[in-house]
Amino acid sequence: MMNCRVTAVKERLSEAKESLDYLEAERSLRGDPEFGKRTEQQIIWRELLELQFQDAEERIASMCDAAERALALLG
């Protein structure tokens, strides 16, 4: 399961990187430093939020595991 998640994250980040590279190349080609800036910011924020969600999921899973172990010791 973890391997599947890692693969999905790598694919998502790879796609985001390709999009950012495209925007940078298009910016250079057009000579317009503002081209795609809003899209670029959306991509970056989406990935930052996704990382925050992933961290929260991992923390919650860890807390659930700890609670289950504690219940097993009590029961």
N, C-alpha and C. Protein backbone atom coordinates (compact mmCIF):
# COMPACT_ATOMS: atom_id res chain seq x y z
N MET A 1 0.82 -1.19 0.00
CA MET A 1 0.00 0.00 0.00
C MET A 1 0.87 1.26 0.00
N MET A 2 1.89 1.28 0.82
CA MET A 2 2.78 2.45 0.90
C MET A 2 3.49 2.66 -0.43
N ASN A 3 3.90 1.55 -1.07
CA ASN A 3 4.58 1.64 -2.36
C ASN A 3 3.68 2.27 -3.41
N CYS A 4 2.41 1.91 -3.37
CA CYS A 4 1.41 2.45 -4.29
C CYS A 4 1.25 3.96 -4.06
N ARG A 5 1.20 4.35 -2.81
CA ARG A 5 1.07 5.77 -2.46
C ARG A 5 2.29 6.56 -2.92
N VAL A 6 3.47 6.00 -2.71
CA VAL A 6 4.71 6.67 -3.13
C VAL A 6 4.72 6.85 -4.64
N THR A 7 4.32 5.82 -5.36
CA THR A 7 4.26 5.89 -6.82
C THR A 7 3.29 6.98 -7.27
N ALA A 8 2.13 7.05 -6.63
CA ALA A 8 1.14 8.06 -6.99
C ALA A 8 1.66 9.47 -6.72
N VAL A 9 2.34 9.64 -5.61
CA VAL A 9 2.91 10.96 -5.28
C VAL A 9 3.99 11.34 -6.29
N LYS A 10 4.84 10.39 -6.63
CA LYS A 10 5.89 10.66 -7.61
C LYS A 10 5.30 11.05 -8.95
N GLU A 11 4.26 10.34 -9.37
CA GLU A 11 3.61 10.66 -10.64
C GLU A 11 2.98 12.05 -10.61
N ARG A 12 2.30 12.35 -9.51
CA ARG A 12 1.65 13.66 -9.37
C ARG A 12 2.69 14.79 -9.40
N LEU A 13 3.77 14.60 -8.67
CA LEU A 13 4.82 15.62 -8.63
C LEU A 13 5.52 15.75 -9.98
N SER A 14 5.69 14.65 -10.66
CA SER A 14 6.30 14.67 -11.99
C SER A 14 5.43 15.46 -12.97
N GLU A 15 4.13 15.23 -12.91
CA GLU A 15 3.20 15.97 -13.78
C GLU A 15 3.22 17.47 -13.45
N ALA A 16 3.26 17.79 -12.17
CA ALA A 16 3.31 19.19 -11.76
C ALA A 16 4.59 19.84 -12.26
N LYS A 17 5.71 19.11 -12.14
CA LYS A 17 7.00 19.63 -12.61
C LYS A 17 6.97 19.88 -14.11
N GLU A 18 6.37 18.95 -14.86
CA GLU A 18 6.26 19.13 -16.30
C GLU A 18 5.45 20.38 -16.63
N SER A 19 4.37 20.60 -15.90
CA SER A 19 3.54 21.78 -16.12
C SER A 19 4.32 23.06 -15.81
N LEU A 20 5.06 23.04 -14.72
CA LEU A 20 5.86 24.22 -14.36
C LEU A 20 6.96 24.47 -15.38
N ASP A 21 7.59 23.41 -15.86
CA ASP A 21 8.63 23.55 -16.89
C ASP A 21 8.04 24.13 -18.17
N TYR A 22 6.84 23.65 -18.54
CA TYR A 22 6.17 24.17 -19.73
C TYR A 22 5.91 25.67 -19.58
N LEU A 23 5.37 26.06 -18.44
CA LEU A 23 5.07 27.48 -18.22
C LEU A 23 6.33 28.33 -18.30
N GLU A 24 7.42 27.84 -17.73
CA GLU A 24 8.69 28.58 -17.77
C GLU A 24 9.20 28.71 -19.20
N ALA A 25 9.13 27.64 -19.96
CA ALA A 25 9.58 27.68 -21.36
C ALA A 25 8.70 28.63 -22.17
N GLU A 26 7.40 28.55 -21.96
CA GLU A 26 6.47 29.42 -22.69
C GLU A 26 6.69 30.88 -22.30
N ARG A 27 6.98 31.13 -21.05
CA ARG A 27 7.28 32.48 -20.57
C ARG A 27 8.50 33.04 -21.30
N SER A 28 9.53 32.20 -21.40
CA SER A 28 10.76 32.62 -22.08
C SER A 28 10.50 32.86 -23.57
N LEU A 29 9.77 31.95 -24.19
CA LEU A 29 9.46 32.06 -25.61
C LEU A 29 8.68 33.33 -25.92
N ARG A 30 7.72 33.65 -25.10
CA ARG A 30 6.88 34.82 -25.31
C ARG A 30 7.54 36.11 -24.85
N GLY A 31 8.56 35.98 -24.03
CA GLY A 31 9.18 37.18 -23.47
C GLY A 31 8.25 37.88 -22.48
N ASP A 32 7.36 37.10 -21.90
CA ASP A 32 6.36 37.64 -20.97
C ASP A 32 6.57 36.99 -19.60
N PRO A 33 7.23 37.70 -18.67
CA PRO A 33 7.52 37.10 -17.36
C PRO A 33 6.28 36.81 -16.52
N GLU A 34 5.13 37.35 -16.92
CA GLU A 34 3.90 37.13 -16.16
C GLU A 34 3.04 35.99 -16.72
N PHE A 35 3.41 35.47 -17.90
CA PHE A 35 2.60 34.42 -18.52
C PHE A 35 2.49 33.21 -17.59
N GLY A 36 1.26 32.81 -17.30
CA GLY A 36 1.01 31.60 -16.52
C GLY A 36 1.33 31.70 -15.04
N LYS A 37 1.59 32.89 -14.54
CA LYS A 37 1.95 33.02 -13.12
C LYS A 37 0.83 32.53 -12.19
N ARG A 38 -0.41 32.85 -12.55
CA ARG A 38 -1.52 32.42 -11.70
C ARG A 38 -1.63 30.88 -11.70
N THR A 39 -1.50 30.29 -12.86
CA THR A 39 -1.53 28.83 -12.96
C THR A 39 -0.37 28.22 -12.17
N GLU A 40 0.79 28.82 -12.30
CA GLU A 40 1.97 28.35 -11.57
C GLU A 40 1.71 28.37 -10.06
N GLN A 41 1.15 29.46 -9.57
CA GLN A 41 0.85 29.57 -8.15
C GLN A 41 -0.18 28.53 -7.72
N GLN A 42 -1.16 28.28 -8.56
CA GLN A 42 -2.17 27.27 -8.23
C GLN A 42 -1.54 25.88 -8.13
N ILE A 43 -0.64 25.57 -9.05
CA ILE A 43 0.04 24.26 -9.02
C ILE A 43 0.84 24.13 -7.74
N ILE A 44 1.59 25.17 -7.41
CA ILE A 44 2.45 25.13 -6.22
C ILE A 44 1.60 25.00 -4.95
N TRP A 45 0.55 25.80 -4.83
CA TRP A 45 -0.31 25.73 -3.65
C TRP A 45 -1.01 24.39 -3.54
N ARG A 46 -1.45 23.85 -4.68
CA ARG A 46 -2.11 22.54 -4.66
C ARG A 46 -1.16 21.47 -4.10
N GLU A 47 0.08 21.52 -4.54
CA GLU A 47 1.04 20.53 -4.06
C GLU A 47 1.38 20.72 -2.59
N LEU A 48 1.48 21.97 -2.15
CA LEU A 48 1.74 22.23 -0.73
C LEU A 48 0.58 21.73 0.13
N LEU A 49 -0.64 21.99 -0.31
CA LEU A 49 -1.81 21.50 0.43
C LEU A 49 -1.84 19.97 0.44
N GLU A 50 -1.52 19.38 -0.68
CA GLU A 50 -1.52 17.92 -0.77
C GLU A 50 -0.51 17.32 0.21
N LEU A 51 0.66 17.96 0.32
CA LEU A 51 1.67 17.49 1.27
C LEU A 51 1.17 17.64 2.72
N GLN A 52 0.47 18.73 3.00
CA GLN A 52 -0.09 18.93 4.33
C GLN A 52 -1.13 17.85 4.65
N PHE A 53 -1.99 17.55 3.68
CA PHE A 53 -3.00 16.51 3.88
C PHE A 53 -2.34 15.15 4.10
N GLN A 54 -1.31 14.88 3.33
CA GLN A 54 -0.61 13.61 3.47
C GLN A 54 0.01 13.49 4.86
N ASP A 55 0.62 14.57 5.34
CA ASP A 55 1.22 14.58 6.67
C ASP A 55 0.15 14.35 7.74
N ALA A 56 -0.99 15.03 7.58
CA ALA A 56 -2.09 14.86 8.55
C ALA A 56 -2.60 13.43 8.55
N GLU A 57 -2.76 12.84 7.36
CA GLU A 57 -3.22 11.45 7.27
C GLU A 57 -2.26 10.50 7.98
N GLU A 58 -0.96 10.73 7.78
CA GLU A 58 0.03 9.87 8.42
C GLU A 58 0.00 10.02 9.94
N ARG A 59 -0.18 11.24 10.42
CA ARG A 59 -0.26 11.46 11.87
C ARG A 59 -1.50 10.81 12.46
N ILE A 60 -2.63 10.96 11.77
CA ILE A 60 -3.87 10.35 12.25
C ILE A 60 -3.74 8.83 12.28
N ALA A 61 -3.16 8.26 11.23
CA ALA A 61 -2.96 6.81 11.18
C ALA A 61 -2.07 6.35 12.33
N SER A 62 -1.04 7.11 12.61
CA SER A 62 -0.13 6.78 13.71
C SER A 62 -0.85 6.84 15.05
N MET A 63 -1.69 7.85 15.24
CA MET A 63 -2.45 7.98 16.49
C MET A 63 -3.45 6.83 16.63
N CYS A 64 -4.09 6.45 15.54
CA CYS A 64 -5.04 5.33 15.57
C CYS A 64 -4.32 4.03 15.93
N ASP A 65 -3.16 3.82 15.35
CA ASP A 65 -2.38 2.63 15.68
C ASP A 65 -2.00 2.61 17.15
N ALA A 66 -1.58 3.77 17.68
CA ALA A 66 -1.20 3.85 19.09
C ALA A 66 -2.41 3.59 19.98
N ALA A 67 -3.55 4.12 19.60
CA ALA A 67 -4.77 3.91 20.40
C ALA A 67 -5.17 2.43 20.38
N GLU A 68 -5.06 1.79 19.23
CA GLU A 68 -5.39 0.36 19.15
C GLU A 68 -4.46 -0.47 20.02
N ARG A 69 -3.17 -0.14 20.00
CA ARG A 69 -2.21 -0.86 20.85
C ARG A 69 -2.53 -0.65 22.33
N ALA A 70 -2.89 0.59 22.69
CA ALA A 70 -3.22 0.88 24.08
C ALA A 70 -4.47 0.10 24.50
N LEU A 71 -5.47 0.07 23.63
CA LEU A 71 -6.70 -0.70 23.94
C LEU A 71 -6.40 -2.18 24.08
N ALA A 72 -5.52 -2.69 23.26
CA ALA A 72 -5.16 -4.11 23.31
C ALA A 72 -4.48 -4.42 24.65
N LEU A 73 -3.66 -3.49 25.15
CA LEU A 73 -3.00 -3.71 26.43
C LEU A 73 -3.99 -3.67 27.59
N LEU A 74 -5.01 -2.83 27.46
CA LEU A 74 -6.02 -2.71 28.52
C LEU A 74 -7.01 -3.87 28.51
N GLY A 75 -7.25 -4.40 27.31
CA GLY A 75 -8.29 -5.42 27.18
C GLY A 75 -7.75 -6.76 27.30
